[in-house]
Amino acid sequence: MAGIVVKPRARILHGHDWVFSSEVLKVFGNPADGDVISLKDGKDRLIGSAIYNSKSQIVARRFSRRRATAIISFCKPSRWRWTCERI
């Protein structure tokens, strides 16, 4: 699974659910916008799963503190489309 490694002082390590572009240490696996990605700290520990958006200053929005491959099952189709359009 593609993902990002966050810098040591990233807000997500202190409870925030967003990763800002300035807090990214490394991107791996070539994620596309809208992909579910893994979030890792500098010691390669998983800190959650997020939706990736390279076109935003908020490059990742965490939706789980565990590994997840998709969030479609959590949403109704109409709600999923609405969410994707705003990410």
N, C-alpha and C. Protein backbone atom coordinates (compact mmCIF):
# COMPACT_ATOMS: atom_id res chain seq x y z
N MET A 1 0.85 -1.18 0.00
CA MET A 1 0.00 0.00 0.00
C MET A 1 0.88 1.23 0.00
N ALA A 2 0.50 2.21 -0.78
CA ALA A 2 1.21 3.48 -0.85
C ALA A 2 0.99 4.25 0.45
N GLY A 3 1.83 5.24 0.67
CA GLY A 3 1.65 6.03 1.88
C GLY A 3 2.63 7.17 2.01
N ILE A 4 2.62 7.76 3.19
CA ILE A 4 3.55 8.84 3.49
C ILE A 4 4.16 8.62 4.87
N VAL A 5 5.36 9.16 5.01
CA VAL A 5 6.05 9.19 6.30
C VAL A 5 6.02 10.64 6.75
N VAL A 6 5.59 10.87 7.98
CA VAL A 6 5.48 12.24 8.47
C VAL A 6 6.71 12.64 9.28
N LYS A 7 6.95 13.92 9.31
CA LYS A 7 8.07 14.47 10.08
C LYS A 7 7.84 14.27 11.57
N PRO A 8 8.91 14.27 12.36
CA PRO A 8 8.78 14.01 13.81
C PRO A 8 7.85 14.96 14.56
N ARG A 9 7.71 16.18 14.14
CA ARG A 9 6.85 17.14 14.87
C ARG A 9 5.49 17.35 14.19
N ALA A 10 5.09 16.44 13.35
CA ALA A 10 3.81 16.57 12.64
C ALA A 10 2.65 16.56 13.63
N ARG A 11 1.64 17.35 13.34
CA ARG A 11 0.46 17.47 14.22
C ARG A 11 -0.27 16.16 14.39
N ILE A 12 -0.23 15.30 13.38
CA ILE A 12 -0.95 14.03 13.44
C ILE A 12 -0.40 13.14 14.56
N LEU A 13 0.85 13.33 14.92
CA LEU A 13 1.44 12.55 16.02
C LEU A 13 0.95 13.02 17.38
N HIS A 14 0.25 14.15 17.39
CA HIS A 14 -0.27 14.72 18.63
C HIS A 14 -1.80 14.76 18.65
N GLY A 15 -2.43 13.91 17.80
CA GLY A 15 -3.87 13.77 17.85
C GLY A 15 -4.67 14.41 16.74
N HIS A 16 -4.04 15.25 15.93
CA HIS A 16 -4.74 15.89 14.82
C HIS A 16 -4.96 14.86 13.72
N ASP A 17 -6.01 15.00 12.92
CA ASP A 17 -6.30 14.02 11.87
C ASP A 17 -5.92 14.46 10.47
N TRP A 18 -5.25 15.59 10.33
CA TRP A 18 -4.81 16.05 9.02
C TRP A 18 -3.29 16.04 8.98
N VAL A 19 -2.75 15.80 7.76
CA VAL A 19 -1.31 15.94 7.52
C VAL A 19 -1.15 17.05 6.49
N PHE A 20 -0.42 18.07 6.87
CA PHE A 20 -0.16 19.19 5.97
C PHE A 20 1.07 18.90 5.11
N SER A 21 1.13 19.49 3.93
CA SER A 21 2.22 19.21 3.00
C SER A 21 3.59 19.51 3.60
N SER A 22 3.68 20.48 4.46
CA SER A 22 4.95 20.83 5.10
C SER A 22 5.40 19.79 6.13
N GLU A 23 4.52 18.85 6.48
CA GLU A 23 4.83 17.84 7.50
C GLU A 23 5.19 16.48 6.89
N VAL A 24 5.27 16.41 5.57
CA VAL A 24 5.58 15.15 4.90
C VAL A 24 7.08 14.99 4.75
N LEU A 25 7.60 13.90 5.26
CA LEU A 25 9.02 13.59 5.13
C LEU A 25 9.28 12.84 3.83
N LYS A 26 8.38 11.88 3.49
CA LYS A 26 8.58 11.06 2.30
C LYS A 26 7.25 10.49 1.84
N VAL A 27 7.07 10.40 0.52
CA VAL A 27 5.92 9.73 -0.08
C VAL A 27 6.44 8.45 -0.71
N PHE A 28 5.76 7.33 -0.47
CA PHE A 28 6.21 6.07 -1.06
C PHE A 28 5.05 5.36 -1.75
N GLY A 29 5.36 4.58 -2.77
CA GLY A 29 4.34 3.79 -3.46
C GLY A 29 3.54 4.53 -4.51
N ASN A 30 3.88 5.78 -4.81
CA ASN A 30 3.22 6.56 -5.86
C ASN A 30 1.69 6.61 -5.73
N PRO A 31 1.16 7.16 -4.64
CA PRO A 31 -0.30 7.23 -4.49
C PRO A 31 -0.94 8.24 -5.45
N ALA A 32 -2.14 7.94 -5.88
CA ALA A 32 -2.92 8.87 -6.71
C ALA A 32 -3.89 9.63 -5.82
N ASP A 33 -4.32 10.78 -6.27
CA ASP A 33 -5.30 11.55 -5.51
C ASP A 33 -6.55 10.71 -5.28
N GLY A 34 -7.04 10.69 -4.04
CA GLY A 34 -8.21 9.91 -3.68
C GLY A 34 -7.91 8.51 -3.18
N ASP A 35 -6.65 8.08 -3.28
CA ASP A 35 -6.27 6.75 -2.80
C ASP A 35 -6.28 6.68 -1.28
N VAL A 36 -6.55 5.50 -0.76
CA VAL A 36 -6.38 5.22 0.66
C VAL A 36 -4.90 4.91 0.85
N ILE A 37 -4.26 5.60 1.78
CA ILE A 37 -2.82 5.43 2.01
C ILE A 37 -2.55 5.08 3.46
N SER A 38 -1.35 4.56 3.70
CA SER A 38 -0.86 4.32 5.06
C SER A 38 -0.13 5.57 5.54
N LEU A 39 -0.29 5.87 6.81
CA LEU A 39 0.46 6.95 7.43
C LEU A 39 1.46 6.30 8.38
N LYS A 40 2.72 6.71 8.27
CA LYS A 40 3.76 6.13 9.12
C LYS A 40 4.58 7.24 9.76
N ASP A 41 5.13 6.92 10.93
CA ASP A 41 6.04 7.86 11.57
C ASP A 41 7.45 7.57 11.08
N GLY A 42 8.42 8.31 11.57
CA GLY A 42 9.80 8.16 11.13
C GLY A 42 10.44 6.83 11.50
N LYS A 43 9.82 6.08 12.40
CA LYS A 43 10.33 4.77 12.80
C LYS A 43 9.58 3.64 12.11
N ASP A 44 8.88 3.97 11.03
CA ASP A 44 8.14 3.01 10.20
C ASP A 44 6.98 2.35 10.95
N ARG A 45 6.44 3.03 11.96
CA ARG A 45 5.27 2.51 12.68
C ARG A 45 4.01 3.09 12.05
N LEU A 46 3.00 2.24 11.87
CA LEU A 46 1.74 2.67 11.31
C LEU A 46 1.01 3.58 12.29
N ILE A 47 0.55 4.73 11.80
CA ILE A 47 -0.23 5.64 12.65
C ILE A 47 -1.64 5.83 12.12
N GLY A 48 -1.97 5.11 11.04
CA GLY A 48 -3.33 5.16 10.55
C GLY A 48 -3.45 5.07 9.05
N SER A 49 -4.69 5.23 8.59
CA SER A 49 -5.01 5.23 7.17
C SER A 49 -5.69 6.55 6.83
N ALA A 50 -5.46 7.02 5.61
CA ALA A 50 -5.98 8.33 5.23
C ALA A 50 -6.31 8.36 3.74
N ILE A 51 -6.99 9.41 3.35
CA ILE A 51 -7.25 9.70 1.95
C ILE A 51 -6.20 10.72 1.50
N TYR A 52 -5.57 10.46 0.36
CA TYR A 52 -4.47 11.28 -0.15
C TYR A 52 -4.97 12.31 -1.17
N ASN A 53 -4.40 13.52 -1.12
CA ASN A 53 -4.70 14.56 -2.10
C ASN A 53 -3.46 15.43 -2.29
N SER A 54 -2.74 15.20 -3.36
CA SER A 54 -1.50 15.94 -3.61
C SER A 54 -1.75 17.39 -4.01
N LYS A 55 -2.98 17.72 -4.38
CA LYS A 55 -3.29 19.07 -4.86
C LYS A 55 -3.72 20.02 -3.73
N SER A 56 -3.70 19.56 -2.52
CA SER A 56 -4.14 20.35 -1.38
C SER A 56 -2.98 20.56 -0.40
N GLN A 57 -3.06 21.61 0.38
CA GLN A 57 -2.07 21.77 1.46
C GLN A 57 -2.29 20.72 2.54
N ILE A 58 -3.51 20.20 2.63
CA ILE A 58 -3.79 19.07 3.52
C ILE A 58 -3.68 17.83 2.65
N VAL A 59 -2.52 17.19 2.65
CA VAL A 59 -2.28 16.08 1.72
C VAL A 59 -2.91 14.77 2.16
N ALA A 60 -3.22 14.65 3.44
CA ALA A 60 -3.84 13.41 3.93
C ALA A 60 -4.82 13.74 5.04
N ARG A 61 -5.96 13.06 4.98
CA ARG A 61 -6.98 13.19 6.01
C ARG A 61 -7.21 11.81 6.60
N ARG A 62 -6.81 11.64 7.86
CA ARG A 62 -6.92 10.33 8.50
C ARG A 62 -8.37 10.00 8.81
N PHE A 63 -8.77 8.77 8.48
CA PHE A 63 -10.11 8.29 8.82
C PHE A 63 -10.07 7.09 9.75
N SER A 64 -8.88 6.54 10.00
CA SER A 64 -8.75 5.40 10.91
C SER A 64 -7.36 5.41 11.52
N ARG A 65 -7.27 4.95 12.73
CA ARG A 65 -5.96 4.80 13.38
C ARG A 65 -5.39 3.40 13.16
N ARG A 66 -6.06 2.63 12.31
CA ARG A 66 -5.61 1.28 11.94
C ARG A 66 -5.40 1.21 10.44
N ARG A 67 -4.88 0.08 9.98
CA ARG A 67 -4.73 -0.14 8.54
C ARG A 67 -6.10 -0.41 7.94
N ALA A 68 -6.42 0.28 6.88
CA ALA A 68 -7.69 0.09 6.18
C ALA A 68 -7.42 0.17 4.69
N THR A 69 -8.15 -0.58 3.91
CA THR A 69 -7.93 -0.57 2.46
C THR A 69 -8.97 0.26 1.73
N ALA A 70 -10.13 0.49 2.34
CA ALA A 70 -11.17 1.28 1.69
C ALA A 70 -12.12 1.84 2.74
N ILE A 71 -12.76 2.95 2.40
CA ILE A 71 -13.75 3.51 3.31
C ILE A 71 -15.14 3.48 2.69
N ILE A 72 -15.27 2.90 1.52
CA ILE A 72 -16.56 2.87 0.84
C ILE A 72 -17.62 2.16 1.67
N SER A 73 -17.24 1.11 2.36
CA SER A 73 -18.22 0.35 3.13
C SER A 73 -18.80 1.15 4.29
N PHE A 74 -18.15 2.23 4.68
CA PHE A 74 -18.62 3.04 5.80
C PHE A 74 -19.66 4.08 5.37
N CYS A 75 -19.79 4.30 4.06
CA CYS A 75 -20.62 5.40 3.57
C CYS A 75 -21.66 4.91 2.58
N LYS A 76 -22.74 5.63 2.51
CA LYS A 76 -23.72 5.40 1.45
C LYS A 76 -23.13 5.94 0.15
N PRO A 77 -23.47 5.37 -1.01
CA PRO A 77 -22.88 5.83 -2.26
C PRO A 77 -23.01 7.34 -2.50
N SER A 78 -24.16 7.93 -2.20
CA SER A 78 -24.32 9.37 -2.44
C SER A 78 -23.41 10.17 -1.51
N ARG A 79 -23.28 9.74 -0.30
CA ARG A 79 -22.41 10.42 0.66
C ARG A 79 -20.94 10.25 0.24
N TRP A 80 -20.58 9.08 -0.28
CA TRP A 80 -19.21 8.82 -0.72
C TRP A 80 -18.83 9.78 -1.85
N ARG A 81 -19.72 9.97 -2.82
CA ARG A 81 -19.43 10.90 -3.91
C ARG A 81 -19.24 12.32 -3.37
N TRP A 82 -20.09 12.72 -2.45
CA TRP A 82 -20.00 14.06 -1.85
C TRP A 82 -18.66 14.23 -1.14
N THR A 83 -18.23 13.22 -0.40
CA THR A 83 -16.97 13.28 0.33
C THR A 83 -15.80 13.36 -0.63
N CYS A 84 -15.79 12.54 -1.66
CA CYS A 84 -14.68 12.53 -2.62
C CYS A 84 -14.53 13.86 -3.36
N GLU A 85 -15.64 14.50 -3.63
CA GLU A 85 -15.58 15.77 -4.35
C GLU A 85 -14.94 16.86 -3.49
N ARG A 86 -14.97 16.72 -2.20
CA ARG A 86 -14.46 17.75 -1.31
C ARG A 86 -13.08 17.44 -0.74
N ILE A 87 -12.55 16.28 -1.00
CA ILE A 87 -11.23 15.92 -0.48
C ILE A 87 -10.14 16.45 -1.37
